[in-house]
Structure formats: C-alpha cells, structure tokens
N, C-alpha and C. Protein backbone atom coordinates (compact mmCIF):
# COMPACT_ATOMS: atom_id res chain seq x y z
N UNK A 1 0.54 -1.08 -0.04
CA UNK A 1 -0.22 -0.16 -0.05
C UNK A 1 0.84 1.19 0.09
N UNK A 2 1.91 1.24 0.67
CA UNK A 2 2.90 2.25 0.62
C UNK A 2 3.33 2.74 -0.80
N UNK A 3 3.66 1.70 -1.72
CA UNK A 3 3.93 2.12 -3.02
C UNK A 3 2.89 2.59 -3.94
N UNK A 4 1.40 2.17 -3.54
CA UNK A 4 0.35 2.73 -4.23
C UNK A 4 0.23 4.08 -3.72
N UNK A 5 0.48 4.55 -2.38
CA UNK A 5 0.29 5.80 -1.84
C UNK A 5 1.34 6.81 -2.78
N UNK A 6 2.49 6.13 -2.67
CA UNK A 6 3.57 6.88 -3.44
C UNK A 6 3.35 7.34 -4.97
N UNK A 7 2.68 6.32 -5.62
CA UNK A 7 2.25 6.48 -7.06
C UNK A 7 1.14 7.58 -7.12
N UNK A 8 0.34 7.56 -5.99
CA UNK A 8 -0.93 8.56 -6.19
C UNK A 8 -0.34 10.03 -5.72
N UNK A 9 0.83 10.02 -4.80
CA UNK A 9 1.29 11.28 -4.78
C UNK A 9 2.21 11.77 -5.56
N UNK A 10 2.91 10.81 -6.36
CA UNK A 10 3.68 11.39 -7.57
C UNK A 10 2.88 11.97 -8.81
N UNK A 11 1.90 11.22 -9.02
CA UNK A 11 0.79 11.70 -9.98
C UNK A 11 0.20 13.04 -9.65
N UNK A 12 -0.20 13.20 -8.43
CA UNK A 12 -0.68 14.56 -8.14
C UNK A 12 0.42 15.63 -8.21
N UNK A 13 1.59 15.34 -7.80
CA UNK A 13 2.76 16.35 -8.06
C UNK A 13 3.08 16.43 -9.45
N UNK A 14 3.20 15.48 -10.35
CA UNK A 14 3.10 15.57 -11.78
C UNK A 14 1.88 16.48 -12.37
N UNK A 15 0.90 16.25 -11.90
CA UNK A 15 -0.24 17.34 -12.35
C UNK A 15 -0.11 18.75 -11.98
N UNK A 16 0.32 18.83 -10.66
CA UNK A 16 0.51 20.19 -10.22
C UNK A 16 1.46 21.00 -10.85
N UNK A 17 2.84 20.19 -11.19
CA UNK A 17 3.81 21.01 -11.93
C UNK A 17 3.37 21.31 -13.27
N UNK A 18 2.61 20.40 -14.05
CA UNK A 18 2.06 20.68 -15.23
C UNK A 18 1.24 21.84 -15.29
N UNK A 19 0.27 21.90 -14.23
CA UNK A 19 -0.71 23.14 -14.12
C UNK A 19 0.08 24.26 -13.97
N UNK A 20 1.02 24.24 -13.09
CA UNK A 20 1.92 25.40 -12.73
C UNK A 20 2.56 25.97 -13.80
N UNK A 21 3.28 25.16 -14.56
CA UNK A 21 3.73 25.46 -15.91
C UNK A 21 3.01 26.32 -16.89
N UNK A 22 1.71 25.60 -17.00
CA UNK A 22 0.82 26.37 -17.62
C UNK A 22 0.31 27.70 -17.34
N UNK A 23 0.23 27.90 -16.02
CA UNK A 23 -0.13 29.12 -15.29
C UNK A 23 1.03 30.17 -15.73
N UNK A 24 2.20 29.75 -15.54
CA UNK A 24 3.46 30.59 -15.90
C UNK A 24 3.34 31.17 -17.23
N UNK A 25 3.03 30.05 -18.04
CA UNK A 25 2.95 30.52 -19.68
C UNK A 25 1.77 31.43 -19.85
N UNK A 26 0.71 31.43 -19.15
CA UNK A 26 -0.36 32.13 -19.26
C UNK A 26 -0.12 33.43 -18.79
N UNK A 27 0.42 33.63 -17.71
CA UNK A 27 0.84 34.84 -16.96
C UNK A 27 2.16 35.69 -18.06
N UNK A 28 2.76 34.81 -18.41
CA UNK A 28 3.95 35.40 -19.39
C UNK A 28 3.34 35.62 -20.76
N UNK A 29 2.31 35.39 -21.03
CA UNK A 29 1.71 35.72 -22.42
C UNK A 29 0.89 37.05 -22.24
N UNK A 30 0.31 37.26 -20.91
CA UNK A 30 -0.52 38.48 -20.77
C UNK A 30 0.54 39.57 -20.20
N UNK A 31 1.59 39.22 -20.01
CA UNK A 31 2.51 40.35 -19.42
C UNK A 31 3.15 41.40 -20.73
N UNK A 32 2.85 42.62 -20.69
CA UNK A 32 3.36 43.46 -21.79
C UNK A 32 4.93 43.21 -22.01
N UNK A 33 5.23 43.14 -23.19
CA UNK A 33 6.87 43.15 -23.80
C UNK A 33 7.48 44.46 -23.18
N UNK A 34 8.46 44.17 -22.59
CA UNK A 34 9.06 45.46 -22.08
C UNK A 34 9.78 46.24 -23.33
N UNK A 35 9.34 47.46 -23.31
CA UNK A 35 9.84 48.09 -24.45
C UNK A 35 11.01 49.02 -23.87
N UNK A 36 11.84 49.45 -24.80
CA UNK A 36 13.04 50.38 -24.26
C UNK A 36 12.55 51.77 -24.43
N UNK A 37 12.45 52.35 -23.22
CA UNK A 37 11.80 53.81 -23.22
C UNK A 37 13.10 54.76 -22.93
N UNK A 38 12.76 55.95 -23.66
CA UNK A 38 13.95 56.70 -23.53
C UNK A 38 13.53 57.82 -22.31
N UNK A 39 12.40 57.77 -21.90
CA UNK A 39 11.85 58.73 -20.83
C UNK A 39 12.07 58.07 -19.34
N UNK A 40 13.03 57.41 -19.42
CA UNK A 40 13.30 56.80 -17.75
C UNK A 40 13.84 57.87 -16.81
N UNK A 41 13.38 57.89 -15.75
CA UNK A 41 13.81 58.86 -14.79
C UNK A 41 15.19 58.57 -14.36
N UNK A 42 16.10 59.69 -14.22
CA UNK A 42 17.34 59.30 -13.86
C UNK A 42 17.47 59.98 -12.52
N UNK A 43 18.19 59.21 -11.64
CA UNK A 43 18.56 59.77 -10.29
C UNK A 43 19.76 60.29 -10.23
N UNK A 44 19.91 61.47 -10.03
CA UNK A 44 21.23 62.30 -9.84
C UNK A 44 21.38 62.74 -8.46
N UNK A 45 22.58 62.61 -7.85
CA UNK A 45 22.92 63.17 -6.54
C UNK A 45 22.64 64.65 -6.74
N UNK A 46 22.30 65.27 -5.49
CA UNK A 46 22.07 66.71 -5.28
C UNK A 46 23.45 67.39 -5.34
N UNK A 47 23.52 68.40 -5.90
CA UNK A 47 24.99 69.23 -5.77
C UNK A 47 25.33 69.64 -4.43
N UNK A 48 26.48 69.36 -4.06
CA UNK A 48 26.84 69.53 -2.70
C UNK A 48 27.16 71.01 -2.68
N UNK A 49 26.64 71.66 -1.62
CA UNK A 49 27.00 72.92 -1.43
C UNK A 49 27.55 73.16 -0.06
N UNK A 50 28.60 74.09 -0.14
CA UNK A 50 29.12 74.28 1.31
C UNK A 50 28.11 75.25 2.27
N UNK A 51 28.14 74.76 3.29
CA UNK A 51 27.04 75.10 4.25
C UNK A 51 27.77 76.48 5.27
N UNK A 52 28.80 76.58 4.94
CA UNK A 52 29.64 77.83 5.80
C UNK A 52 29.17 79.16 5.69
N UNK A 53 28.55 79.35 4.36
CA UNK A 53 28.05 80.80 4.24
C UNK A 53 26.55 80.81 4.59
N UNK A 54 26.04 80.08 5.38
CA UNK A 54 24.67 80.09 5.71
C UNK A 54 24.31 81.08 6.79
N UNK A 55 23.38 81.78 6.36
CA UNK A 55 22.92 82.89 7.46
C UNK A 55 21.58 82.68 7.82
N UNK A 56 21.26 82.25 9.22
CA UNK A 56 20.08 82.11 9.71
C UNK A 56 19.25 83.45 9.78
N UNK A 57 18.06 83.54 9.32
CA UNK A 57 17.19 84.69 9.57
C UNK A 57 16.36 84.58 10.76
N UNK A 58 16.54 85.69 11.60
CA UNK A 58 15.85 85.90 12.95
C UNK A 58 14.31 86.04 12.79
N UNK A 59 13.62 85.24 13.59
CA UNK A 59 12.26 85.51 13.81
C UNK A 59 11.88 86.72 14.19
N UNK A 60 10.92 87.34 13.48
CA UNK A 60 10.35 88.39 13.92
C UNK A 60 9.47 88.43 15.11
N UNK A 61 9.75 89.29 15.98
CA UNK A 61 8.90 89.41 17.40
C UNK A 61 7.44 89.45 16.88
N UNK A 62 6.63 88.88 17.84
CA UNK A 62 5.24 88.56 17.78
C UNK A 62 4.56 90.17 18.24
N UNK A 63 5.29 90.86 19.23
CA UNK A 63 4.93 92.16 19.61
C UNK A 63 4.74 93.07 18.47
N UNK A 64 5.89 93.08 17.61
CA UNK A 64 5.45 94.18 16.36
C UNK A 64 4.00 93.67 15.63
N UNK A 65 3.75 92.61 15.27
CA UNK A 65 2.40 92.27 14.81
C UNK A 65 1.26 92.63 15.78
N UNK A 66 1.28 92.48 16.89
CA UNK A 66 0.24 92.99 17.78
C UNK A 66 0.09 94.58 17.62
N UNK A 67 1.30 95.28 17.59
CA UNK A 67 1.19 96.55 17.66
C UNK A 67 0.43 97.03 16.38
N UNK A 68 0.69 96.48 15.44
CA UNK A 68 0.29 96.80 13.99
C UNK A 68 -1.02 96.65 13.94
N UNK A 69 -1.54 95.68 14.66
CA UNK A 69 -3.16 95.64 14.58
C UNK A 69 -3.88 96.30 15.81
N UNK A 70 -3.40 96.81 16.52
CA UNK A 70 -3.83 97.32 17.76
C UNK A 70 -4.85 98.30 17.44
N UNK A 71 -5.81 98.62 18.10
CA UNK A 71 -6.91 99.48 17.95
C UNK A 71 -6.31 100.76 18.64
N UNK A 72 -6.35 101.86 17.77
CA UNK A 72 -5.98 103.12 18.27
C UNK A 72 -6.95 103.84 19.38
N UNK A 73 -8.41 103.83 18.81
CA UNK A 73 -9.40 104.35 19.16
C UNK A 73 -10.02 103.44 20.35
N UNK A 74 -10.30 103.99 21.54
CA UNK A 74 -10.87 103.19 22.70
C UNK A 74 -12.40 103.21 22.41
N UNK A 75 -12.92 103.84 21.41
CA UNK A 75 -14.25 103.88 21.18
C UNK A 75 -14.78 102.32 20.77
N UNK A 76 -16.12 102.12 21.32
CA UNK A 76 -16.73 100.77 21.01
C UNK A 76 -17.02 100.58 19.41
N UNK A 77 -16.83 99.50 19.13
CA UNK A 77 -17.11 98.99 17.50
C UNK A 77 -18.36 98.49 17.21
N UNK A 78 -19.38 98.53 18.31
CA UNK A 78 -20.65 97.96 18.01
C UNK A 78 -21.52 98.93 17.08
N UNK A 79 -21.94 97.99 15.96
CA UNK A 79 -22.76 98.87 14.86
C UNK A 79 -24.17 98.31 14.99
N UNK A 80 -25.14 98.94 14.39
CA UNK A 80 -26.45 98.41 14.36
C UNK A 80 -27.18 97.93 15.52
N UNK A 81 -27.85 96.94 15.24
CA UNK A 81 -28.87 96.52 16.30
C UNK A 81 -27.93 95.42 17.24
N UNK A 82 -26.86 95.79 17.65
CA UNK A 82 -26.09 94.69 18.53
C UNK A 82 -26.27 95.15 19.95
N UNK A 83 -26.04 94.22 21.06
CA UNK A 83 -25.99 94.59 22.36
C UNK A 83 -24.73 94.40 22.86
C-alpha cells in the first residue's frame, strides 16, 4: 500500500507541476513586452553646497504684529442692532 500511496502522490505532483507551468505560460503571455523607453527617470545626486556661508534669519517678534493691529481708538465698535 505504501507503493500505491507513493504512486498517487507522484501523480498529483506531476499534475501540479504541469498546471503550474501552464499558469506561468499564461501569465507570461499576458505580461506586456518590455519596451525600451527613452523617458526613464534618472536619479542624480544633489549638488553638494558648502554650508559655511549659511546665514540664519531671525524670527520677527510677535509684539510688532500685535502693535500693527492694535486699535488706536478706545471707542466701542458696536454697530447696528447689537447689544
């Protein structure tokens, strides 16, 4: 019976390999042929720049912004039918 089981397993393995090969052939036939393209992206290293001449810009203080929009008149700005 061991020989019979081996024959059964060998038959299944042979069918599996055949169907696998057929699937690979189908997939290969569906795959588009690789065409040589001239528009391929080329990755170039960024130009190295010396960082010695780098000047940091100081942040502007928020006080100046507040002064710019500060109301100069102390009068109420209520208009119309508001309470």
